[in-house]
Amino acid sequence: MCRNSIRQRCVFLAIVIVAFVTSGTSVAHVSSAQDLRQLGRQAFDEGRYSDAYREFRLALEEHEKGRNSFEIAKTLSELAAVLVAQERYSEAESLLDRALPMMAEGPAARPGETARLLDNLGALYVQTGRHEAAESVFRRALRLLEQHANDDPHIVVLLSNLGTLYTQNGDYKRARAELEKALNQAQRRLESNHRDFVPVLTNLAALHQRQKKWALAESYLLSAAGIAERALRPDHPERAVILEHLGVIHIKQNKLAEAEMELRRALEIANHGLGPESVMSVRVSLNLAKVLTAQRRYDEASMLYAQALPVQERLLGSKTPEVASTLENFAKLLHAMKSREPAKEMEARAKRIRAELAYTRSVDDLQQW
């Protein structure tokens, strides 16, 4: 769940299948929809997001024939989780907005499913920068489980998500408290090699990475990588997350050969799973460009910057801090390559973006008065 820190996986744990009680619906129809959802869950867990999307979409069509609002809501939530993983946030939000009132119509004995839906909504809010809304729904989901299903292992995921949210907000004390609770809960509830340790460990690494505690962050990531190697497919996007941030830490530690190897593998996985025009692929490309620049391999670094910059502008907007940073780094590379005029143009663009952002913040501060 991070852009500059580690992006949190939208975790989906197996939801208990509730008996289908709508009258006039055949057993064969119910079985078809549930089989499709099971295929979708398997594909999602394996990081095959396109396959998961297809299976959940077909399952939704089947459930809509039966008009069981609870089953429709669960399927919408599962489908939205896939869309969040694919960075298709507006589509995911429309599905979750549709699902939430349906879930609320169900009996009070379904807190686990409602909490998972709220968790998916919170993950979406984090990815789209609505941190107060994210905290509210995460807390609401956590209260549901603590009050009505305190043995549900999804509590681990919610605590981890809250910790990551506080990390992004710079509230490191609260982040550490929530993430340590998540780790303690995971150690108590899960087997030592359970895959749901991976996001907890990567989120702890993100916290220490933000605090520039490189060795500690590295140790958590290496632990996560060990579990991922045993529990996840080699091309699972979560492994790209781990590799990317190991690469970033190794840049900081001046371990450039290791960083290059990790970032190249992360880019390969991200391009395969999410496509070259995803936020993750762009971010990994830019980090790899930094490594190549430090190694004085300027031609390939320049190519990566030239490919990533227009995609970054399309995805994030042309006047964002991320674009300004890319322009500044690209300009430094061009200066090293003796391309003075293009470098000066990029520096000028970056300065204009920084000035405009500073002005906007100043106006906002004045309006608060």
Protein backbone atom coordinates (compact mmCIF):
# COMPACT_ATOMS: atom_id res chain seq x y z
CA MET A 1 0.00 0.00 0.00
CA CYS A 2 2.63 2.51 -0.88
CA ARG A 3 3.80 4.54 -3.80
CA ASN A 4 7.27 5.69 -2.69
CA SER A 5 7.29 3.14 0.10
CA ILE A 6 6.25 -0.41 -0.36
CA ARG A 7 2.92 -0.83 -2.09
CA GLN A 8 0.66 -3.05 0.10
CA ARG A 9 -0.86 -6.13 -1.50
CA CYS A 10 -4.68 -6.06 -1.39
CA VAL A 11 -4.83 -9.26 0.65
CA PHE A 12 -7.75 -11.60 0.11
CA LEU A 13 -8.12 -14.51 2.50
CA ALA A 14 -10.54 -17.32 1.73
CA ILE A 15 -14.06 -16.29 2.70
CA VAL A 16 -16.29 -18.94 4.20
CA ILE A 17 -18.95 -19.88 1.66
CA VAL A 18 -22.40 -19.13 3.05
CA ALA A 19 -25.34 -21.41 2.16
CA PHE A 20 -27.33 -20.08 -0.78
CA VAL A 21 -30.88 -19.54 0.40
CA THR A 22 -32.59 -17.63 -2.41
CA SER A 23 -35.64 -19.57 -3.51
CA GLY A 24 -35.99 -20.77 -7.09
CA THR A 25 -32.19 -21.03 -7.71
CA SER A 26 -30.83 -24.39 -8.86
CA VAL A 27 -28.01 -26.21 -7.13
CA ALA A 28 -26.18 -26.40 -10.45
CA HIS A 29 -26.30 -22.61 -10.80
CA VAL A 30 -24.90 -22.12 -7.28
CA SER A 31 -22.15 -24.65 -7.90
CA SER A 32 -21.17 -22.94 -11.15
CA ALA A 33 -20.83 -19.53 -9.51
CA GLN A 34 -18.89 -20.87 -6.53
CA ASP A 35 -16.58 -22.90 -8.76
CA LEU A 36 -15.82 -19.78 -10.79
CA ARG A 37 -15.09 -17.82 -7.61
CA GLN A 38 -12.77 -20.56 -6.38
CA LEU A 39 -10.87 -20.39 -9.67
CA GLY A 40 -10.72 -16.61 -9.27
CA ARG A 41 -9.32 -16.89 -5.76
CA GLN A 42 -6.68 -19.35 -6.86
CA ALA A 43 -5.63 -17.11 -9.75
CA PHE A 44 -5.51 -14.05 -7.46
CA ASP A 45 -3.40 -15.85 -4.86
CA GLU A 46 -0.99 -16.89 -7.60
CA GLY A 47 -0.72 -13.33 -8.94
CA ARG A 48 -2.50 -14.14 -12.20
CA TYR A 49 -4.67 -11.06 -12.08
CA SER A 50 -6.06 -11.18 -15.62
CA ASP A 51 -7.27 -14.74 -15.07
CA ALA A 52 -8.72 -13.80 -11.68
CA TYR A 53 -10.59 -10.87 -13.21
CA ARG A 54 -12.13 -13.13 -15.86
CA GLU A 55 -13.28 -15.79 -13.37
CA PHE A 56 -14.74 -13.31 -10.88
CA ARG A 57 -16.54 -11.46 -13.67
CA LEU A 58 -18.15 -14.71 -14.84
CA ALA A 59 -19.04 -15.60 -11.23
CA LEU A 60 -20.68 -12.21 -10.80
CA GLU A 61 -22.84 -12.78 -13.86
CA GLU A 62 -23.98 -16.10 -12.41
CA HIS A 63 -24.76 -14.65 -8.97
CA GLU A 64 -26.68 -11.75 -10.49
CA LYS A 65 -29.05 -14.27 -12.07
CA GLY A 66 -29.89 -15.54 -8.58
CA ARG A 67 -30.22 -12.03 -7.08
CA ASN A 68 -28.68 -12.98 -3.75
CA SER A 69 -27.35 -9.61 -2.56
CA PHE A 70 -24.87 -11.11 -0.10
CA GLU A 71 -23.19 -13.37 -2.67
CA ILE A 72 -23.17 -10.54 -5.21
CA ALA A 73 -21.51 -8.24 -2.65
CA LYS A 74 -18.79 -10.78 -1.82
CA THR A 75 -18.04 -11.30 -5.50
CA LEU A 76 -17.95 -7.57 -6.16
CA SER A 77 -15.46 -7.19 -3.31
CA GLU A 78 -13.27 -9.98 -4.69
CA LEU A 79 -13.38 -8.48 -8.16
CA ALA A 80 -12.50 -5.06 -6.76
CA ALA A 81 -9.46 -6.55 -5.00
CA VAL A 82 -8.18 -7.71 -8.38
CA LEU A 83 -8.76 -4.27 -9.90
CA VAL A 84 -6.85 -2.58 -7.06
CA ALA A 85 -3.95 -4.98 -7.65
CA GLN A 86 -4.07 -4.00 -11.34
CA GLU A 87 -4.06 -0.28 -10.40
CA ARG A 88 -7.57 0.18 -11.88
CA TYR A 89 -8.79 2.24 -8.98
CA SER A 90 -11.87 4.03 -10.33
CA GLU A 91 -13.36 0.74 -11.54
CA ALA A 92 -12.65 -0.89 -8.18
CA GLU A 93 -14.26 1.95 -6.26
CA SER A 94 -17.50 1.76 -8.23
CA LEU A 95 -17.77 -1.96 -7.43
CA LEU A 96 -17.06 -1.46 -3.72
CA ASP A 97 -19.55 1.40 -3.49
CA ARG A 98 -22.14 -0.93 -4.98
CA ALA A 99 -21.21 -3.83 -2.70
CA LEU A 100 -21.14 -2.09 0.68
CA PRO A 101 -24.91 -1.43 1.09
CA MET A 102 -25.63 -4.98 -0.11
CA MET A 103 -23.31 -6.40 2.55
CA ALA A 104 -24.98 -4.25 5.18
CA GLU A 105 -28.32 -5.88 4.32
CA GLY A 106 -27.01 -9.26 5.48
CA PRO A 107 -27.43 -10.63 9.01
CA ALA A 108 -25.07 -9.48 11.75
CA ALA A 109 -23.40 -12.91 11.76
CA ARG A 110 -21.25 -11.95 8.76
CA PRO A 111 -18.65 -9.55 10.21
CA GLY A 112 -15.74 -11.33 8.51
CA GLU A 113 -17.01 -10.72 4.99
CA THR A 114 -17.96 -7.12 5.76
CA ALA A 115 -14.50 -6.52 7.28
CA ARG A 116 -12.82 -7.85 4.15
CA LEU A 117 -14.89 -5.59 1.95
CA LEU A 118 -13.99 -2.61 4.14
CA ASP A 119 -10.32 -3.63 4.01
CA ASN A 120 -10.42 -3.61 0.20
CA LEU A 121 -12.04 -0.17 0.30
CA GLY A 122 -9.38 1.09 2.70
CA ALA A 123 -6.60 -0.24 0.47
CA LEU A 124 -8.17 1.63 -2.44
CA TYR A 125 -8.34 4.86 -0.41
CA VAL A 126 -4.66 4.53 0.50
CA GLN A 127 -3.65 4.04 -3.12
CA THR A 128 -5.64 7.12 -4.15
CA GLY A 129 -4.31 9.35 -1.34
CA ARG A 130 -7.43 9.51 0.88
CA HIS A 131 -5.72 8.64 4.11
CA GLU A 132 -8.34 9.84 6.60
CA ALA A 133 -11.04 7.82 4.84
CA ALA A 134 -8.71 4.81 4.76
CA GLU A 135 -8.04 4.99 8.49
CA SER A 136 -11.77 5.24 9.20
CA VAL A 137 -12.70 2.12 7.24
CA PHE A 138 -9.71 0.12 8.51
CA ARG A 139 -10.70 0.97 12.10
CA ARG A 140 -14.33 0.09 11.38
CA ALA A 141 -13.31 -3.29 9.95
CA LEU A 142 -11.01 -3.97 12.89
CA ARG A 143 -13.77 -3.19 15.40
CA LEU A 144 -16.11 -5.59 13.60
CA LEU A 145 -13.65 -8.45 13.91
CA GLU A 146 -12.53 -7.66 17.44
CA GLN A 147 -16.15 -7.51 18.64
CA HIS A 148 -17.67 -10.39 16.68
CA ALA A 149 -14.86 -12.60 15.32
CA ASN A 150 -11.72 -11.99 17.35
CA ASP A 151 -10.18 -15.26 16.20
CA ASP A 152 -10.31 -14.21 12.52
CA PRO A 153 -6.74 -14.16 11.08
CA HIS A 154 -7.66 -11.21 8.86
CA ILE A 155 -7.01 -9.03 11.93
CA VAL A 156 -3.32 -9.44 11.01
CA VAL A 157 -3.94 -7.87 7.60
CA LEU A 158 -5.92 -4.94 9.01
CA LEU A 159 -3.27 -4.12 11.61
CA SER A 160 -0.59 -4.30 8.93
CA ASN A 161 -2.58 -2.00 6.65
CA LEU A 162 -3.03 0.54 9.44
CA GLY A 163 0.69 0.43 10.16
CA THR A 164 1.49 1.11 6.53
CA LEU A 165 -0.96 4.00 6.45
CA TYR A 166 0.76 5.60 9.44
CA THR A 167 4.15 5.02 7.82
CA GLN A 168 3.03 6.96 4.76
CA ASN A 169 1.76 9.76 6.99
CA GLY A 170 5.10 9.97 8.81
CA ASP A 171 3.57 8.86 12.13
CA TYR A 172 6.28 6.31 12.80
CA LYS A 173 5.43 5.67 16.45
CA ARG A 174 1.88 4.59 15.65
CA ALA A 175 3.09 2.71 12.58
CA ARG A 176 5.52 0.68 14.65
CA ALA A 177 2.85 -0.08 17.26
CA GLU A 178 0.35 -1.40 14.68
CA LEU A 179 2.94 -3.35 12.69
CA GLU A 180 4.39 -4.98 15.80
CA LYS A 181 0.86 -5.96 16.83
CA ALA A 182 0.35 -7.41 13.36
CA LEU A 183 3.58 -9.40 13.59
CA ASN A 184 2.74 -10.68 17.07
CA GLN A 185 -0.73 -11.73 15.90
CA ALA A 186 0.74 -13.43 12.84
CA GLN A 187 3.27 -15.34 14.96
CA ARG A 188 0.45 -16.46 17.27
CA ARG A 189 -2.11 -17.35 14.60
CA LEU A 190 -0.16 -18.47 11.52
CA GLU A 191 2.45 -21.07 10.63
CA SER A 192 5.94 -19.62 10.36
CA ASN A 193 6.03 -19.86 6.55
CA HIS A 194 2.48 -18.63 5.92
CA ARG A 195 2.27 -16.26 2.97
CA ASP A 196 0.49 -13.58 5.02
CA PHE A 197 3.75 -12.92 6.85
CA VAL A 198 5.04 -11.43 3.59
CA PRO A 199 3.04 -8.14 3.62
CA VAL A 200 3.63 -7.69 7.36
CA LEU A 201 7.39 -8.07 6.94
CA THR A 202 7.53 -5.87 3.85
CA ASN A 203 5.53 -3.18 5.65
CA LEU A 204 7.91 -3.31 8.61
CA ALA A 205 10.75 -2.94 6.13
CA ALA A 206 8.99 0.07 4.60
CA LEU A 207 8.79 1.72 8.01
CA HIS A 208 12.51 1.28 8.66
CA GLN A 209 13.34 2.28 5.08
CA ARG A 210 11.52 5.58 5.62
CA GLN A 211 13.64 6.09 8.76
CA LYS A 212 16.83 5.26 6.82
CA LYS A 213 17.51 2.20 8.94
CA TRP A 214 18.82 0.30 5.96
CA ALA A 215 20.20 -2.80 7.67
CA LEU A 216 17.02 -3.39 9.66
CA ALA A 217 14.84 -2.87 6.58
CA GLU A 218 17.05 -5.28 4.65
CA SER A 219 16.68 -7.98 7.32
CA TYR A 220 12.86 -7.82 7.18
CA LEU A 221 12.90 -7.93 3.39
CA LEU A 222 15.22 -10.92 3.32
CA SER A 223 12.86 -12.73 5.70
CA ALA A 224 9.92 -11.84 3.45
CA ALA A 225 11.86 -12.99 0.38
CA GLY A 226 12.55 -16.37 2.00
CA ILE A 227 8.86 -16.96 2.73
CA ALA A 228 7.83 -15.69 -0.72
CA GLU A 229 10.27 -18.06 -2.38
CA ARG A 230 8.52 -21.00 -0.73
CA ALA A 231 4.92 -19.73 -0.81
CA LEU A 232 4.57 -17.71 -4.03
CA ARG A 233 5.07 -18.38 -7.72
CA PRO A 234 8.36 -17.05 -9.16
CA ASP A 235 6.46 -14.44 -11.21
CA HIS A 236 4.10 -13.27 -8.45
CA PRO A 237 3.93 -9.42 -8.34
CA GLU A 238 4.53 -9.49 -4.59
CA ARG A 239 8.01 -10.83 -5.25
CA ALA A 240 8.64 -7.80 -7.46
CA VAL A 241 7.74 -5.55 -4.51
CA ILE A 242 10.30 -7.27 -2.30
CA LEU A 243 12.99 -7.22 -4.98
CA GLU A 244 12.35 -3.57 -5.79
CA HIS A 245 12.84 -2.46 -2.23
CA LEU A 246 15.83 -4.66 -1.69
CA GLY A 247 17.23 -2.90 -4.74
CA VAL A 248 16.51 0.52 -3.28
CA ILE A 249 18.14 -0.39 0.03
CA HIS A 250 21.18 -1.81 -1.75
CA ILE A 251 21.52 1.44 -3.69
CA LYS A 252 21.67 3.25 -0.35
CA GLN A 253 24.28 0.76 0.84
CA ASN A 254 26.25 1.18 -2.41
CA LYS A 255 25.76 -2.49 -3.30
CA LEU A 256 25.14 -1.63 -6.93
CA ALA A 257 25.65 -5.06 -8.47
CA GLU A 258 23.07 -6.58 -6.11
CA ALA A 259 20.69 -3.68 -6.69
CA GLU A 260 20.93 -4.05 -10.45
CA MET A 261 20.17 -7.78 -10.33
CA GLU A 262 17.19 -7.30 -8.00
CA LEU A 263 15.71 -4.40 -9.95
CA ARG A 264 16.06 -6.15 -13.30
CA ARG A 265 14.18 -9.16 -11.95
CA ALA A 266 11.56 -6.90 -10.34
CA LEU A 267 11.04 -5.10 -13.64
CA GLU A 268 10.65 -8.39 -15.49
CA ILE A 269 7.95 -9.55 -13.05
CA ALA A 270 6.15 -6.19 -13.01
CA ASN A 271 6.11 -5.91 -16.79
CA HIS A 272 4.77 -9.44 -17.10
CA GLY A 273 2.11 -9.16 -14.39
CA LEU A 274 0.99 -5.52 -14.61
CA GLY A 275 2.37 -4.28 -17.92
CA PRO A 276 5.12 -1.77 -18.72
CA GLU A 277 2.77 1.20 -18.21
CA SER A 278 1.92 0.39 -14.59
CA VAL A 279 3.00 2.57 -11.67
CA MET A 280 5.15 -0.27 -10.34
CA SER A 281 6.95 -0.86 -13.65
CA VAL A 282 7.69 2.84 -14.04
CA ARG A 283 8.96 3.12 -10.47
CA VAL A 284 11.26 0.09 -10.86
CA SER A 285 12.55 1.41 -14.20
CA LEU A 286 13.48 4.73 -12.60
CA ASN A 287 15.29 3.03 -9.73
CA LEU A 288 17.18 0.86 -12.20
CA ALA A 289 18.12 4.01 -14.12
CA LYS A 290 19.67 5.41 -10.92
CA VAL A 291 21.80 2.28 -10.55
CA LEU A 292 22.96 2.41 -14.16
CA THR A 293 23.77 6.12 -13.81
CA ALA A 294 25.90 5.39 -10.76
CA GLN A 295 27.66 2.68 -12.77
CA ARG A 296 28.23 5.18 -15.61
CA ARG A 297 26.19 3.09 -18.01
CA TYR A 298 24.61 6.20 -19.37
CA ASP A 299 23.05 5.01 -22.62
CA GLU A 300 20.79 2.41 -21.03
CA ALA A 301 19.95 4.73 -18.13
CA SER A 302 18.97 7.45 -20.60
CA MET A 303 16.74 5.01 -22.48
CA LEU A 304 14.96 4.00 -19.26
CA TYR A 305 14.34 7.63 -18.28
CA ALA A 306 13.06 8.46 -21.77
CA GLN A 307 10.63 5.53 -21.68
CA ALA A 308 9.43 6.01 -18.11
CA LEU A 309 8.98 9.80 -17.98
CA PRO A 310 5.99 10.13 -20.38
CA VAL A 311 4.26 7.13 -18.77
CA GLN A 312 4.79 8.64 -15.32
CA GLU A 313 3.30 11.92 -16.51
CA ARG A 314 0.26 10.11 -17.89
CA LEU A 315 -0.29 8.06 -14.75
CA LEU A 316 0.43 10.65 -12.06
CA GLY A 317 0.03 13.98 -13.83
CA SER A 318 2.62 16.22 -15.45
CA LYS A 319 2.99 18.57 -12.46
CA THR A 320 3.65 16.23 -9.57
CA PRO A 321 6.64 15.94 -7.21
CA GLU A 322 7.43 12.52 -8.67
CA VAL A 323 7.73 13.96 -12.19
CA ALA A 324 9.88 16.83 -10.91
CA SER A 325 12.25 14.32 -9.27
CA THR A 326 12.48 12.31 -12.49
CA LEU A 327 13.26 15.43 -14.50
CA GLU A 328 16.00 16.41 -12.02
CA ASN A 329 17.58 12.96 -12.09
CA PHE A 330 17.35 12.77 -15.88
CA ALA A 331 18.98 16.22 -16.11
CA LYS A 332 21.93 15.07 -13.97
CA LEU A 333 22.41 12.13 -16.29
CA LEU A 334 22.27 14.34 -19.37
CA HIS A 335 24.86 16.69 -17.86
CA ALA A 336 27.13 13.67 -17.34
CA MET A 337 26.57 12.77 -21.00
CA LYS A 338 27.50 16.36 -22.02
CA SER A 339 23.95 16.98 -23.34
CA ARG A 340 23.77 20.44 -21.82
CA GLU A 341 20.76 21.98 -23.54
CA PRO A 342 18.30 19.09 -22.96
CA ALA A 343 19.53 18.93 -19.35
CA LYS A 344 18.85 22.65 -18.82
CA GLU A 345 15.37 22.32 -20.31
CA MET A 346 14.54 19.49 -17.89
CA GLU A 347 15.92 21.45 -14.94
CA ALA A 348 13.77 24.42 -15.91
CA ARG A 349 10.66 22.21 -16.12
CA ALA A 350 11.40 20.72 -12.71
CA LYS A 351 11.85 24.20 -11.19
CA ARG A 352 8.51 25.34 -12.61
CA ILE A 353 6.76 22.31 -11.13
CA ARG A 354 8.41 22.83 -7.74
CA ALA A 355 7.49 26.53 -7.75
CA GLU A 356 3.89 25.82 -8.69
CA LEU A 357 3.56 23.16 -6.01
CA ALA A 358 5.05 25.50 -3.40
CA TYR A 359 2.64 28.27 -4.42
CA THR A 360 -0.35 25.94 -4.25
CA ARG A 361 0.63 24.79 -0.77
CA SER A 362 1.05 28.41 0.36
CA VAL A 363 -2.40 29.35 -0.93
CA ASP A 364 -3.93 26.32 0.79
CA ASP A 365 -2.27 27.30 4.08
CA LEU A 366 -3.65 30.85 3.80
CA GLN A 367 -7.15 29.55 3.07
CA GLN A 368 -7.04 27.51 6.26
CA TRP A 369 -6.76 30.77 8.19
